[in-house]
Structures are given as structure tokens and as C-alpha cells.
């Protein structure tokens, strides 16, 4: 589920070639997730890392994640404790 979410978001990424020859990438709809790199591949790798870190923080803080629904049966959590 998380792998699919990451792949979908990275597929929707937008990249720009900057005047200095470096690249800038961002994922619209995912605030604060952006990256830059000397070349397109470096920018893509950095953007993936930023997205993964963003996702971990959202899950940790129990915040809403745009485009992702995680369903948890709280009754099962209580019985496994």
C-alpha cells in the first residue's frame, strides 16, 4: 500500500531545468515535498527520499495523508495488547 502510494506520487512529480543546469522537482498536492539536484536522476532520488520522510512523519504524527486511507481495526489492536 505505501509502495504504491509513493510510486503514484513520484509519477505525478513535476521537474524544471533551472538556468544553472540543475533540476528542481516537486509533487503538487504534497506540501513541502520538493528537491533539487545536479541532474534529473539526482533530483528524482532526492525527491523520493523527501517524500518517504514526509510520509513517515505524517504517519508518526497521525496526520491526514492526501490520497491515502489507512484502515485500522482498533478492536484488534486492543485484543493483541
N, C-alpha and C. Protein backbone atom coordinates (compact mmCIF):
# COMPACT_ATOMS: atom_id res chain seq x y z
N UNK A 1 0.81 -1.18 0.00
CA UNK A 1 0.00 0.00 0.00
C UNK A 1 0.87 1.26 0.00
N UNK A 2 1.86 1.33 0.87
CA UNK A 2 2.71 2.51 0.92
C UNK A 2 3.60 2.61 -0.32
N UNK A 3 4.08 1.48 -0.81
CA UNK A 3 4.92 1.47 -2.00
C UNK A 3 4.12 2.00 -3.19
N UNK A 4 2.87 1.58 -3.30
CA UNK A 4 2.01 2.05 -4.39
C UNK A 4 1.77 3.55 -4.26
N UNK A 5 1.56 4.03 -3.05
CA UNK A 5 1.34 5.45 -2.82
C UNK A 5 2.57 6.26 -3.26
N UNK A 6 3.75 5.81 -2.84
CA UNK A 6 4.99 6.50 -3.20
C UNK A 6 5.18 6.52 -4.72
N UNK A 7 4.96 5.39 -5.36
CA UNK A 7 5.14 5.30 -6.81
C UNK A 7 4.18 6.22 -7.54
N UNK A 8 2.93 6.26 -7.09
CA UNK A 8 1.93 7.13 -7.72
C UNK A 8 2.31 8.59 -7.58
N UNK A 9 2.70 8.99 -6.39
CA UNK A 9 3.06 10.38 -6.16
C UNK A 9 4.31 10.77 -6.97
N UNK A 10 5.30 9.89 -7.02
CA UNK A 10 6.51 10.18 -7.79
C UNK A 10 6.22 10.26 -9.28
N UNK A 11 5.26 9.49 -9.74
CA UNK A 11 4.86 9.54 -11.15
C UNK A 11 4.25 10.90 -11.49
N UNK A 12 3.60 11.52 -10.51
CA UNK A 12 2.96 12.82 -10.71
C UNK A 12 3.89 14.00 -10.46
N UNK A 13 5.15 13.73 -10.19
CA UNK A 13 6.11 14.81 -9.89
C UNK A 13 6.34 15.69 -11.12
N UNK A 14 6.65 16.95 -10.85
CA UNK A 14 6.97 17.92 -11.90
C UNK A 14 8.41 18.36 -11.70
N UNK A 15 9.15 18.41 -12.81
CA UNK A 15 10.56 18.79 -12.77
C UNK A 15 10.80 19.99 -13.67
N UNK A 16 11.74 20.84 -13.24
CA UNK A 16 12.12 22.02 -14.03
C UNK A 16 13.63 22.05 -14.15
N UNK A 17 14.08 22.36 -15.34
CA UNK A 17 15.50 22.59 -15.57
C UNK A 17 15.77 24.05 -15.25
N UNK A 18 16.67 24.30 -14.32
CA UNK A 18 16.97 25.67 -13.91
C UNK A 18 18.06 26.27 -14.77
N UNK A 19 18.21 27.58 -14.70
CA UNK A 19 19.19 28.30 -15.52
C UNK A 19 20.61 27.82 -15.31
N UNK A 20 20.93 27.38 -14.11
CA UNK A 20 22.29 26.92 -13.82
C UNK A 20 22.54 25.47 -14.25
N UNK A 21 21.54 24.84 -14.87
CA UNK A 21 21.68 23.47 -15.34
C UNK A 21 21.26 22.41 -14.34
N UNK A 22 20.90 22.81 -13.14
CA UNK A 22 20.42 21.87 -12.13
C UNK A 22 18.91 21.68 -12.31
N UNK A 23 18.36 20.76 -11.54
CA UNK A 23 16.93 20.45 -11.64
C UNK A 23 16.23 20.70 -10.31
N UNK A 24 14.96 21.07 -10.42
CA UNK A 24 14.09 21.26 -9.27
C UNK A 24 12.87 20.37 -9.49
N UNK A 25 12.46 19.64 -8.45
CA UNK A 25 11.28 18.78 -8.57
C UNK A 25 10.36 18.98 -7.39
N UNK A 26 9.07 18.83 -7.66
CA UNK A 26 8.07 18.94 -6.59
C UNK A 26 6.89 18.05 -6.92
N UNK A 27 6.12 17.76 -5.90
CA UNK A 27 4.90 16.97 -6.06
C UNK A 27 3.75 17.86 -5.63
N UNK A 28 2.96 18.27 -6.60
CA UNK A 28 1.83 19.14 -6.30
C UNK A 28 0.84 18.41 -5.41
N UNK A 29 0.26 19.11 -4.47
CA UNK A 29 -0.67 18.50 -3.55
C UNK A 29 -0.03 17.86 -2.34
N UNK A 30 1.30 17.87 -2.29
CA UNK A 30 2.02 17.33 -1.13
C UNK A 30 2.91 18.47 -0.62
N UNK A 31 2.36 19.29 0.27
CA UNK A 31 3.07 20.49 0.73
C UNK A 31 4.43 20.20 1.34
N UNK A 32 5.42 20.97 0.92
CA UNK A 32 6.75 20.87 1.49
C UNK A 32 7.63 19.79 0.89
N UNK A 33 7.10 19.03 -0.06
CA UNK A 33 7.89 17.96 -0.68
C UNK A 33 8.46 18.49 -1.99
N UNK A 34 9.74 18.82 -1.95
CA UNK A 34 10.46 19.30 -3.12
C UNK A 34 11.92 18.92 -2.99
N UNK A 35 12.64 18.97 -4.10
CA UNK A 35 14.05 18.60 -4.08
C UNK A 35 14.76 19.28 -5.24
N UNK A 36 16.07 19.29 -5.16
CA UNK A 36 16.89 19.78 -6.26
C UNK A 36 18.10 18.87 -6.41
N UNK A 37 18.67 18.89 -7.61
CA UNK A 37 19.84 18.05 -7.85
C UNK A 37 20.63 18.53 -9.04
N UNK A 38 21.87 18.09 -9.13
CA UNK A 38 22.74 18.50 -10.24
C UNK A 38 22.23 17.99 -11.58
N UNK A 39 21.56 16.83 -11.54
CA UNK A 39 20.97 16.29 -12.77
C UNK A 39 19.59 15.73 -12.43
N UNK A 40 18.86 15.31 -13.46
CA UNK A 40 17.49 14.87 -13.25
C UNK A 40 17.42 13.64 -12.34
N UNK A 41 18.31 12.69 -12.54
CA UNK A 41 18.29 11.47 -11.72
C UNK A 41 18.58 11.78 -10.25
N UNK A 42 19.52 12.67 -9.99
CA UNK A 42 19.82 13.05 -8.60
C UNK A 42 18.62 13.75 -7.97
N UNK A 43 17.94 14.57 -8.75
CA UNK A 43 16.75 15.26 -8.26
C UNK A 43 15.65 14.25 -7.95
N UNK A 44 15.45 13.27 -8.81
CA UNK A 44 14.44 12.23 -8.58
C UNK A 44 14.73 11.43 -7.31
N UNK A 45 15.98 11.06 -7.12
CA UNK A 45 16.35 10.30 -5.91
C UNK A 45 16.08 11.12 -4.66
N UNK A 46 16.48 12.37 -4.70
CA UNK A 46 16.28 13.25 -3.54
C UNK A 46 14.79 13.45 -3.27
N UNK A 47 14.01 13.62 -4.33
CA UNK A 47 12.57 13.82 -4.16
C UNK A 47 11.93 12.58 -3.54
N UNK A 48 12.36 11.40 -3.93
CA UNK A 48 11.84 10.17 -3.34
C UNK A 48 12.17 10.11 -1.86
N UNK A 49 13.39 10.45 -1.48
CA UNK A 49 13.77 10.44 -0.07
C UNK A 49 12.94 11.43 0.74
N UNK A 50 12.73 12.62 0.19
CA UNK A 50 11.94 13.63 0.89
C UNK A 50 10.50 13.15 1.06
N UNK A 51 9.93 12.55 0.01
CA UNK A 51 8.57 12.04 0.09
C UNK A 51 8.46 10.93 1.13
N UNK A 52 9.42 10.02 1.16
CA UNK A 52 9.41 8.94 2.15
C UNK A 52 9.47 9.50 3.57
N UNK A 53 10.36 10.47 3.80
CA UNK A 53 10.47 11.07 5.13
C UNK A 53 9.19 11.81 5.51
N UNK A 54 8.60 12.52 4.56
CA UNK A 54 7.34 13.23 4.79
C UNK A 54 6.25 12.24 5.20
N UNK A 55 6.18 11.11 4.50
CA UNK A 55 5.16 10.10 4.78
C UNK A 55 5.35 9.51 6.18
N UNK A 56 6.58 9.20 6.55
CA UNK A 56 6.86 8.65 7.88
C UNK A 56 6.44 9.63 8.97
N UNK A 57 6.73 10.90 8.78
CA UNK A 57 6.35 11.92 9.77
C UNK A 57 4.84 12.04 9.87
N UNK A 58 4.14 12.00 8.75
CA UNK A 58 2.67 12.08 8.77
C UNK A 58 2.07 10.89 9.53
N UNK A 59 2.59 9.70 9.26
CA UNK A 59 2.09 8.51 9.96
C UNK A 59 2.40 8.61 11.45
N UNK A 60 3.63 9.00 11.78
CA UNK A 60 4.02 9.13 13.19
C UNK A 60 3.11 10.11 13.94
N UNK A 61 2.81 11.22 13.28
CA UNK A 61 2.01 12.26 13.93
C UNK A 61 0.50 12.04 13.76
N UNK A 62 0.14 10.92 13.13
CA UNK A 62 -1.27 10.58 12.89
C UNK A 62 -2.01 11.68 12.16
N UNK A 63 -1.33 12.28 11.19
CA UNK A 63 -1.93 13.34 10.39
C UNK A 63 -2.53 12.76 9.12
N UNK A 64 -3.46 13.49 8.55
CA UNK A 64 -4.11 13.08 7.31
C UNK A 64 -3.07 13.08 6.19
N UNK A 65 -3.12 12.06 5.34
CA UNK A 65 -2.21 11.94 4.20
C UNK A 65 -3.06 12.04 2.94
N UNK A 66 -2.89 13.11 2.16
CA UNK A 66 -3.70 13.28 0.96
C UNK A 66 -3.57 12.08 0.01
N UNK A 67 -4.72 11.49 -0.35
CA UNK A 67 -4.72 10.38 -1.29
C UNK A 67 -4.44 9.02 -0.70
N UNK A 68 -4.34 8.91 0.63
CA UNK A 68 -4.07 7.63 1.26
C UNK A 68 -5.00 7.43 2.45
N UNK A 69 -5.66 6.28 2.46
CA UNK A 69 -6.52 5.94 3.59
C UNK A 69 -5.99 4.66 4.21
N UNK A 70 -5.68 4.73 5.47
CA UNK A 70 -5.21 3.57 6.21
C UNK A 70 -6.33 3.17 7.16
N UNK A 71 -6.78 1.95 7.00
CA UNK A 71 -7.87 1.47 7.85
C UNK A 71 -7.29 0.53 8.91
N UNK A 72 -7.62 0.83 10.15
CA UNK A 72 -7.13 0.02 11.27
C UNK A 72 -8.34 -0.37 12.12
N UNK A 73 -8.45 -1.65 12.39
CA UNK A 73 -9.50 -2.13 13.28
C UNK A 73 -8.97 -2.00 14.71
N UNK A 74 -9.38 -0.97 15.39
CA UNK A 74 -8.88 -0.69 16.74
C UNK A 74 -9.23 -1.81 17.73
N UNK A 75 -10.30 -2.54 17.48
CA UNK A 75 -10.66 -3.64 18.37
C UNK A 75 -9.57 -4.71 18.37
N UNK A 76 -9.01 -4.98 17.19
CA UNK A 76 -7.95 -5.98 17.10
C UNK A 76 -6.68 -5.49 17.80
N UNK A 77 -6.43 -4.19 17.74
CA UNK A 77 -5.26 -3.65 18.42
C UNK A 77 -5.37 -3.85 19.93
N UNK A 78 -6.57 -3.67 20.45
CA UNK A 78 -6.77 -3.80 21.89
C UNK A 78 -6.66 -5.26 22.35
N UNK A 79 -7.10 -6.19 21.52
CA UNK A 79 -7.03 -7.60 21.91
C UNK A 79 -5.64 -8.17 21.80
N UNK A 80 -4.78 -7.56 20.98
CA UNK A 80 -3.41 -8.03 20.83
C UNK A 80 -2.46 -7.43 21.86
N UNK A 81 -2.95 -6.51 22.65
CA UNK A 81 -2.07 -5.82 23.63
C UNK A 81 -1.75 -6.69 24.82
